[in-house]
Each structure stands twice: as C-alpha cells, then as structure tokens.
Amino acid sequence: MPQLPVLSSHPDPADACLTRRDFVSTTALSVLAAALAASCGGGGGGDPTGPRPTPPQIPANAGASVAGNVLTVQLAQFPSLAQANGFQVFGTVGGSAVDVIIINLGNDSYRAFTSICTHEQCPVSGFNGTRITCPCHGSEYDTAGRNVAGPAPRPLTEYRAAYDAAARTVTVTKG
C-alpha cells in the first residue's frame, strides 16, 4: 500500500503539535475576538436572534390597564414611579403589548416614551435620573427622549403623559 505524503512544513509529525505557548495565545485571541464581536453587535443582547432582556409583563388588575391606545397607571401600585426620578417599564399589561417607559421628573411631571430602543429594537431597561438606558449596546436617551450616547440613530417616540393628582394616576396616550 503506498504511503501518503505528510502535508506539513515540519518533517516530523510530532513537531506539528501546538506548544503550550501557542495554545494559550490562540485561545486568548479567540476569546478576545468573540468578546469584540459580541460588543459590536455580532452576538449577545443586540443579536436579533440572541437573548434579549424581557420587558415587565404586568398582569391584569395589577394597578395598570389598557383601553385602546391609552395606558392608565395607579401610582399606589408602582412605588418606584411615584417618587422623583423613578421609572417603570411596561412591556405588556394584561396580555396587551404596550412597550412604554414612564419616568417621573419630580414636581408631578411625568414623561412617557416607547420602551423600544431605536438601534436594534431591544427594550430599554433603566433610568438614572438623567438618562434612559438600553442594556444591549449602551444607547442612552435624555429626559426628552433624544439619543445622546451609543449607536441609537433616532430619539425615542414620546407619548402624551398626564398626571391626575386626585386619582393618583398617570395616563399615557400613544399615537
């Protein structure tokens, strides 16, 4: 039986094995490449097929209701929203998709925006008193919904938010 030639620049096949140094270098570069790909949109939370944060699912009769394009929120049921610089994200309410973030600017002033980031439609998840943040790629929006950091190409859509002091509710009208 004829012997096949060894396709290697090394005359001895034993020399073709990776050294420990080569293995560590190759592994480190592979990990670095994967991390860079994930942070640049090639994977992780920004990948449309990958895992994304799940916006809050508010059950029916839990202090929020939807009727048509109007979301009504009882502040007594959402303490974080009742305080200055507080916020609440609503993904669904009673099974209806709403995708809204409401922020409390203090002095009975509320603003409401779509909770879907304009970069890759990942749900925003936080507000630190000055910025609404998206966890997927670091986009940030100011309290007027304007994109001020990260890759977001457009501002968030703002909705009309009205505070009723007597009823202690915030009503958001989309559209």
C-alpha atoms as a PDB file:
ATOM      1  CA  MET A   1       0.000   0.000   0.000  1.00  0.00           C
ATOM      2  CA  PRO A   2       1.518   3.384  -0.962  1.00  0.00           C
ATOM      3  CA  GLN A   3       2.230   5.836   1.803  1.00  0.00           C
ATOM      4  CA  LEU A   4       0.592   9.282   1.545  1.00  0.00           C
ATOM      5  CA  PRO A   5       2.862  12.286   1.877  1.00  0.00           C
ATOM      6  CA  VAL A   6       2.616  14.332   5.068  1.00  0.00           C
ATOM      7  CA  LEU A   7       1.373  17.830   4.231  1.00  0.00           C
ATOM      8  CA  SER A   8       3.305  19.812   6.756  1.00  0.00           C
ATOM      9  CA  SER A   9       6.245  22.151   6.836  1.00  0.00           C
ATOM     10  CA  HIS A  10       7.523  20.059   9.723  1.00  0.00           C
ATOM     11  CA  PRO A  11       9.461  16.971   8.690  1.00  0.00           C
ATOM     12  CA  ASP A  12       8.431  15.148  11.881  1.00  0.00           C
ATOM     13  CA  PRO A  13       4.637  14.955  12.593  1.00  0.00           C
ATOM     14  CA  ALA A  14       5.364  15.254  16.327  1.00  0.00           C
ATOM     15  CA  ASP A  15       6.708  18.777  15.669  1.00  0.00           C
ATOM     16  CA  ALA A  16       3.306  19.801  14.224  1.00  0.00           C
ATOM     17  CA  CYS A  17       1.693  19.830  17.700  1.00  0.00           C
ATOM     18  CA  LEU A  18       0.921  23.158  19.330  1.00  0.00           C
ATOM     19  CA  THR A  19       3.217  24.260  22.091  1.00  0.00           C
ATOM     20  CA  ARG A  20       1.670  25.397  25.340  1.00  0.00           C
ATOM     21  CA  ARG A  21       2.556  28.994  24.457  1.00  0.00           C
ATOM     22  CA  ASP A  22       0.889  28.689  21.016  1.00  0.00           C
ATOM     23  CA  PHE A  23      -2.220  27.127  22.584  1.00  0.00           C
ATOM     24  CA  VAL A  24      -2.554  29.895  25.181  1.00  0.00           C
ATOM     25  CA  SER A  25      -2.004  32.620  22.552  1.00  0.00           C
ATOM     26  CA  THR A  26      -4.543  31.099  20.146  1.00  0.00           C
ATOM     27  CA  THR A  27      -7.113  30.643  22.908  1.00  0.00           C
ATOM     28  CA  ALA A  28      -6.666  34.201  24.197  1.00  0.00           C
ATOM     29  CA  LEU A  29      -7.054  35.649  20.704  1.00  0.00           C
ATOM     30  CA  SER A  30     -10.178  33.554  20.098  1.00  0.00           C
ATOM     31  CA  VAL A  31     -11.775  34.762  23.348  1.00  0.00           C
ATOM     32  CA  LEU A  32     -10.876  38.374  22.515  1.00  0.00           C
ATOM     33  CA  ALA A  33     -12.376  38.063  19.014  1.00  0.00           C
ATOM     34  CA  ALA A  34     -15.606  36.601  20.409  1.00  0.00           C
ATOM     35  CA  ALA A  35     -15.874  39.377  23.015  1.00  0.00           C
ATOM     36  CA  LEU A  36     -15.311  42.079  20.383  1.00  0.00           C
ATOM     37  CA  ALA A  37     -17.894  40.524  18.065  1.00  0.00           C
ATOM     38  CA  ALA A  38     -20.480  40.440  20.866  1.00  0.00           C
ATOM     39  CA  SER A  39     -19.841  44.054  21.878  1.00  0.00           C
ATOM     40  CA  CYS A  40     -20.074  45.266  18.280  1.00  0.00           C
ATOM     41  CA  GLY A  41     -23.425  43.708  17.537  1.00  0.00           C
ATOM     42  CA  GLY A  42     -22.249  40.287  16.415  1.00  0.00           C
ATOM     43  CA  GLY A  43     -23.788  38.482  19.367  1.00  0.00           C
ATOM     44  CA  GLY A  44     -25.213  38.880  22.844  1.00  0.00           C
ATOM     45  CA  GLY A  45     -28.195  41.057  23.645  1.00  0.00           C
ATOM     46  CA  GLY A  46     -28.041  43.015  20.394  1.00  0.00           C
ATOM     47  CA  ASP A  47     -28.207  39.989  18.127  1.00  0.00           C
ATOM     48  CA  PRO A  48     -31.799  39.847  16.869  1.00  0.00           C
ATOM     49  CA  THR A  49     -31.723  36.069  17.215  1.00  0.00           C
ATOM     50  CA  GLY A  50     -29.951  36.061  20.585  1.00  0.00           C
ATOM     51  CA  PRO A  51     -31.283  36.558  24.107  1.00  0.00           C
ATOM     52  CA  ARG A  52     -32.756  39.947  24.979  1.00  0.00           C
ATOM     53  CA  PRO A  53     -33.949  41.440  28.229  1.00  0.00           C
ATOM     54  CA  THR A  54     -37.613  40.689  28.822  1.00  0.00           C
ATOM     55  CA  PRO A  55     -39.709  43.795  29.472  1.00  0.00           C
ATOM     56  CA  PRO A  56     -42.006  43.579  32.505  1.00  0.00           C
ATOM     57  CA  GLN A  57     -45.247  41.686  31.977  1.00  0.00           C
ATOM     58  CA  ILE A  58     -47.871  43.366  34.172  1.00  0.00           C
ATOM     59  CA  PRO A  59     -50.838  41.094  34.927  1.00  0.00           C
ATOM     60  CA  ALA A  60     -54.403  42.327  34.585  1.00  0.00           C
ATOM     61  CA  ASN A  61     -55.739  44.081  37.712  1.00  0.00           C
ATOM     62  CA  ALA A  62     -52.230  44.842  38.994  1.00  0.00           C
ATOM     63  CA  GLY A  63     -52.574  48.605  39.007  1.00  0.00           C
ATOM     64  CA  ALA A  64     -52.334  49.274  35.281  1.00  0.00           C
ATOM     65  CA  SER A  65     -54.883  48.934  32.497  1.00  0.00           C
ATOM     66  CA  VAL A  66     -55.047  49.374  28.741  1.00  0.00           C
ATOM     67  CA  ALA A  67     -58.039  50.606  26.768  1.00  0.00           C
ATOM     68  CA  GLY A  68     -57.312  51.129  23.086  1.00  0.00           C
ATOM     69  CA  ASN A  69     -54.203  53.286  22.859  1.00  0.00           C
ATOM     70  CA  VAL A  70     -54.424  54.538  26.473  1.00  0.00           C
ATOM     71  CA  LEU A  71     -52.419  53.124  29.390  1.00  0.00           C
ATOM     72  CA  THR A  72     -53.592  54.108  32.879  1.00  0.00           C
ATOM     73  CA  VAL A  73     -51.264  53.514  35.837  1.00  0.00           C
ATOM     74  CA  GLN A  74     -52.213  53.717  39.520  1.00  0.00           C
ATOM     75  CA  LEU A  75     -49.180  55.191  41.282  1.00  0.00           C
ATOM     76  CA  ALA A  76     -50.035  53.419  44.566  1.00  0.00           C
ATOM     77  CA  GLN A  77     -49.268  50.110  42.817  1.00  0.00           C
ATOM     78  CA  PHE A  78     -45.929  51.273  41.344  1.00  0.00           C
ATOM     79  CA  PRO A  79     -43.932  52.905  44.185  1.00  0.00           C
ATOM     80  CA  SER A  80     -40.809  53.435  42.074  1.00  0.00           C
ATOM     81  CA  LEU A  81     -42.837  55.529  39.643  1.00  0.00           C
ATOM     82  CA  ALA A  82     -44.434  57.550  42.464  1.00  0.00           C
ATOM     83  CA  GLN A  83     -41.082  59.040  43.528  1.00  0.00           C
ATOM     84  CA  ALA A  84     -38.982  61.707  41.789  1.00  0.00           C
ATOM     85  CA  ASN A  85     -36.515  60.187  39.287  1.00  0.00           C
ATOM     86  CA  GLY A  86     -38.437  56.925  39.441  1.00  0.00           C
ATOM     87  CA  PHE A  87     -39.454  54.989  36.380  1.00  0.00           C
ATOM     88  CA  GLN A  88     -41.411  51.961  35.244  1.00  0.00           C
ATOM     89  CA  VAL A  89     -41.157  49.947  32.032  1.00  0.00           C
ATOM     90  CA  PHE A  90     -44.328  48.282  30.777  1.00  0.00           C
ATOM     91  CA  GLY A  91     -43.870  45.508  28.207  1.00  0.00           C
ATOM     92  CA  THR A  92     -47.382  44.083  28.359  1.00  0.00           C
ATOM     93  CA  VAL A  93     -50.341  44.886  30.559  1.00  0.00           C
ATOM     94  CA  GLY A  94     -52.957  42.186  30.952  1.00  0.00           C
ATOM     95  CA  GLY A  95     -51.591  40.444  27.861  1.00  0.00           C
ATOM     96  CA  SER A  96     -51.689  43.580  25.664  1.00  0.00           C
ATOM     97  CA  ALA A  97     -48.350  44.848  24.344  1.00  0.00           C
ATOM     98  CA  VAL A  98     -47.749  48.471  25.333  1.00  0.00           C
ATOM     99  CA  ASP A  99     -43.922  48.898  25.238  1.00  0.00           C
ATOM    100  CA  VAL A 100     -43.826  52.114  27.276  1.00  0.00           C
ATOM    101  CA  ILE A 101     -41.412  53.605  29.784  1.00  0.00           C
ATOM    102  CA  ILE A 102     -42.768  56.281  32.125  1.00  0.00           C
ATOM    103  CA  ILE A 103     -40.324  58.490  34.034  1.00  0.00           C
ATOM    104  CA  ASN A 104     -41.083  60.786  36.964  1.00  0.00           C
ATOM    105  CA  LEU A 105     -39.168  64.057  36.639  1.00  0.00           C
ATOM    106  CA  GLY A 106     -40.366  65.344  40.018  1.00  0.00           C
ATOM    107  CA  ASN A 107     -42.885  68.074  40.839  1.00  0.00           C
ATOM    108  CA  ASP A 108     -45.724  65.945  39.427  1.00  0.00           C
ATOM    109  CA  SER A 109     -44.101  65.953  35.983  1.00  0.00           C
ATOM    110  CA  TYR A 110     -44.145  62.710  34.012  1.00  0.00           C
ATOM    111  CA  ARG A 111     -42.884  61.797  30.545  1.00  0.00           C
ATOM    112  CA  ALA A 112     -43.581  58.647  28.566  1.00  0.00           C
ATOM    113  CA  PHE A 113     -41.754  57.130  25.609  1.00  0.00           C
ATOM    114  CA  THR A 114     -41.643  53.939  23.627  1.00  0.00           C
ATOM    115  CA  SER A 115     -39.553  51.441  25.565  1.00  0.00           C
ATOM    116  CA  ILE A 116     -38.023  50.044  22.376  1.00  0.00           C
ATOM    117  CA  CYS A 117     -34.511  51.273  21.537  1.00  0.00           C
ATOM    118  CA  THR A 118     -34.158  52.748  18.055  1.00  0.00           C
ATOM    119  CA  HIS A 119     -30.885  50.904  17.457  1.00  0.00           C
ATOM    120  CA  GLU A 120     -31.903  47.246  17.271  1.00  0.00           C
ATOM    121  CA  GLN A 121     -35.317  47.281  18.947  1.00  0.00           C
ATOM    122  CA  CYS A 122     -34.067  45.973  22.274  1.00  0.00           C
ATOM    123  CA  PRO A 123     -36.202  47.020  25.261  1.00  0.00           C
ATOM    124  CA  VAL A 124     -34.755  49.841  27.349  1.00  0.00           C
ATOM    125  CA  SER A 125     -34.474  48.890  30.981  1.00  0.00           C
ATOM    126  CA  GLY A 126     -33.374  51.757  33.155  1.00  0.00           C
ATOM    127  CA  PHE A 127     -33.440  55.414  34.081  1.00  0.00           C
ATOM    128  CA  ASN A 128     -30.834  57.004  36.361  1.00  0.00           C
ATOM    129  CA  GLY A 129     -32.480  60.402  36.852  1.00  0.00           C
ATOM    130  CA  THR A 130     -30.990  61.914  33.700  1.00  0.00           C
ATOM    131  CA  ARG A 131     -30.714  59.133  31.128  1.00  0.00           C
ATOM    132  CA  ILE A 132     -32.885  56.284  29.845  1.00  0.00           C
ATOM    133  CA  THR A 133     -30.594  53.351  29.115  1.00  0.00           C
ATOM    134  CA  CYS A 134     -30.609  50.371  26.763  1.00  0.00           C
ATOM    135  CA  PRO A 135     -28.636  47.365  28.025  1.00  0.00           C
ATOM    136  CA  CYS A 136     -27.975  45.799  24.622  1.00  0.00           C
ATOM    137  CA  HIS A 137     -25.421  48.215  23.144  1.00  0.00           C
ATOM    138  CA  GLY A 138     -25.296  51.112  25.595  1.00  0.00           C
ATOM    139  CA  SER A 139     -27.564  53.609  23.876  1.00  0.00           C
ATOM    140  CA  GLU A 140     -28.719  56.411  26.167  1.00  0.00           C
ATOM    141  CA  TYR A 141     -31.538  58.925  25.830  1.00  0.00           C
ATOM    142  CA  ASP A 142     -32.115  62.133  27.781  1.00  0.00           C
ATOM    143  CA  THR A 143     -35.364  63.059  29.545  1.00  0.00           C
ATOM    144  CA  ALA A 144     -36.722  64.433  26.253  1.00  0.00           C
ATOM    145  CA  GLY A 145     -36.095  61.078  24.541  1.00  0.00           C
ATOM    146  CA  ARG A 146     -33.177  62.365  22.431  1.00  0.00           C
ATOM    147  CA  ASN A 147     -30.381  59.873  21.782  1.00  0.00           C
ATOM    148  CA  VAL A 148     -27.245  61.211  23.481  1.00  0.00           C
ATOM    149  CA  ALA A 149     -24.900  58.208  23.581  1.00  0.00           C
ATOM    150  CA  GLY A 150     -24.387  54.874  21.900  1.00  0.00           C
ATOM    151  CA  PRO A 151     -25.388  53.671  18.458  1.00  0.00           C
ATOM    152  CA  ALA A 152     -29.101  54.646  18.544  1.00  0.00           C
ATOM    153  CA  PRO A 153     -29.858  56.518  15.294  1.00  0.00           C
ATOM    154  CA  ARG A 154     -33.052  58.292  16.402  1.00  0.00           C
ATOM    155  CA  PRO A 155     -34.808  59.590  19.511  1.00  0.00           C
ATOM    156  CA  LEU A 156     -37.443  57.568  21.330  1.00  0.00           C
ATOM    157  CA  THR A 157     -41.037  58.248  20.331  1.00  0.00           C
ATOM    158  CA  GLU A 158     -42.698  60.347  23.029  1.00  0.00           C
ATOM    159  CA  TYR A 159     -46.280  59.797  24.128  1.00  0.00           C
ATOM    160  CA  ARG A 160     -48.589  62.197  25.953  1.00  0.00           C
ATOM    161  CA  ALA A 161     -48.436  61.611  29.729  1.00  0.00           C
ATOM    162  CA  ALA A 162     -50.994  63.225  32.039  1.00  0.00           C
ATOM    163  CA  TYR A 163     -50.916  63.142  35.838  1.00  0.00           C
ATOM    164  CA  ASP A 164     -54.198  63.192  37.780  1.00  0.00           C
ATOM    165  CA  ALA A 165     -53.382  64.258  41.360  1.00  0.00           C
ATOM    166  CA  ALA A 166     -56.862  63.449  42.723  1.00  0.00           C
ATOM    167  CA  ALA A 167     -56.875  59.900  41.350  1.00  0.00           C
ATOM    168  CA  ARG A 168     -53.083  59.457  41.753  1.00  0.00           C
ATOM    169  CA  THR A 169     -52.810  58.081  38.226  1.00  0.00           C
ATOM    170  CA  VAL A 170     -50.696  58.685  35.155  1.00  0.00           C
ATOM    171  CA  THR A 171     -52.405  58.251  31.806  1.00  0.00           C
ATOM    172  CA  VAL A 172     -50.316  57.661  28.697  1.00  0.00           C
ATOM    173  CA  THR A 173     -51.854  58.143  25.266  1.00  0.00           C
ATOM    174  CA  LYS A 174     -49.994  56.541  22.367  1.00  0.00           C
ATOM    175  CA  GLY A 175     -50.401  57.989  18.918  1.00  0.00           C
END
